[in-house]
Protein backbone atom coordinates (compact mmCIF):
# COMPACT_ATOMS: atom_id res chain seq x y z
CA MET A 1 243.21 115.58 166.06
CA VAL A 2 240.03 117.64 166.29
CA SER A 3 240.05 120.42 168.85
CA PRO A 4 237.09 120.75 171.23
CA LEU A 5 234.51 123.42 170.59
CA ALA A 6 235.10 126.74 172.27
CA PHE A 7 232.03 128.30 173.87
CA ALA A 8 231.41 131.97 173.09
CA SER A 9 228.40 132.26 175.40
CA VAL A 10 226.02 130.20 177.52
CA THR A 11 222.64 131.62 178.56
CA LEU A 12 219.62 130.29 180.42
CA ASP A 13 216.77 129.45 178.06
CA PRO A 14 213.41 130.85 179.21
CA THR A 15 211.78 127.40 178.83
CA THR A 16 213.73 126.18 181.89
CA THR A 17 211.24 124.98 184.52
CA MET A 18 213.54 124.19 187.46
CA ALA A 19 212.43 126.42 190.36
CA GLY A 20 215.30 128.56 191.62
CA PHE A 21 217.64 127.76 188.71
CA THR A 22 219.28 131.03 187.59
CA PRO A 23 222.38 132.01 185.62
CA SER A 24 224.30 131.92 188.90
CA ASN A 25 223.83 128.12 188.85
CA PHE A 26 226.08 127.63 185.83
CA SER A 27 229.37 128.87 184.46
CA PHE A 28 231.50 128.11 181.45
CA THR A 29 235.07 128.19 180.28
CA GLY A 30 236.49 127.59 176.84
CA SER A 31 235.26 124.02 176.40
CA GLN A 32 233.38 123.17 179.61
CA ILE A 33 230.02 124.03 181.16
CA GLN A 34 229.61 123.56 184.91
CA VAL A 35 226.06 123.24 186.31
CA ASP A 36 225.14 123.33 190.00
CA TRP A 37 221.60 122.25 190.82
CA GLN A 38 222.38 121.09 194.32
CA ASN A 39 219.43 121.64 196.70
CA LEU A 40 217.08 122.63 193.85
CA PRO A 41 213.80 120.72 193.46
CA PHE A 42 213.20 118.63 190.35
CA ASP A 43 211.20 115.69 189.06
CA LYS A 44 210.96 113.83 185.75
CA THR A 45 209.15 116.76 184.09
CA THR A 46 211.74 119.39 185.08
CA ILE A 47 213.57 121.05 182.20
CA VAL A 48 216.94 122.77 182.40
CA LYS A 49 217.86 124.20 179.02
CA LEU A 50 220.95 126.25 178.22
CA ASP A 51 221.50 128.09 174.95
CA VAL A 52 225.09 127.65 173.82
CA ALA A 53 226.94 129.64 171.17
CA VAL A 54 230.29 128.33 169.97
CA VAL A 55 233.20 130.24 168.51
CA PRO A 56 233.08 129.65 164.74
CA GLU A 57 235.90 127.60 163.29
CA PRO A 58 238.01 129.18 160.56
CA ASP A 59 236.94 128.53 156.99
CA ILE A 60 239.14 125.56 156.03
CA ASP A 61 238.65 126.22 152.32
CA ALA A 62 240.20 129.70 152.67
CA ILE A 63 243.43 128.48 154.28
CA PRO A 64 245.05 127.12 151.05
CA SER A 65 244.24 130.42 149.30
CA LEU A 66 245.95 132.34 152.09
CA ALA A 67 248.99 130.07 151.83
CA VAL A 68 249.25 130.69 148.06
CA LEU A 69 248.88 134.45 148.59
CA ALA A 70 251.60 134.42 151.25
CA GLY A 71 253.89 132.48 148.91
CA VAL A 72 253.35 134.97 146.07
CA LEU A 73 254.03 137.92 148.36
CA LEU A 74 257.20 136.32 149.70
CA ARG A 75 258.46 135.64 146.16
CA LYS A 76 257.76 139.24 145.12
CA ARG A 77 259.55 140.49 148.22
CA ALA A 78 262.57 138.28 147.47
CA ALA A 79 262.63 139.44 143.83
CA PHE A 80 262.49 143.09 144.95
CA ARG A 81 265.48 142.56 147.29
CA CYS A 82 267.56 141.10 144.44
CA ARG A 83 267.31 144.29 142.37
């Protein structure tokens, strides 16, 4: 199962053309962005653009290396205890 992206930040892009749309019109949590444009004027040329940064996922290729390192350290620790 793939986990949803986690948002690190959401900011209002300066190319937004909706009159009255400010950062107070949106909020975000871990994996959701809520936008409120109620009572704001718009037409088919209106642009609302948000810049979204996501939390980077861990480097999957590094995980097996960490597992091998942990195994080596545990074996050395066990060998040290046996002395």
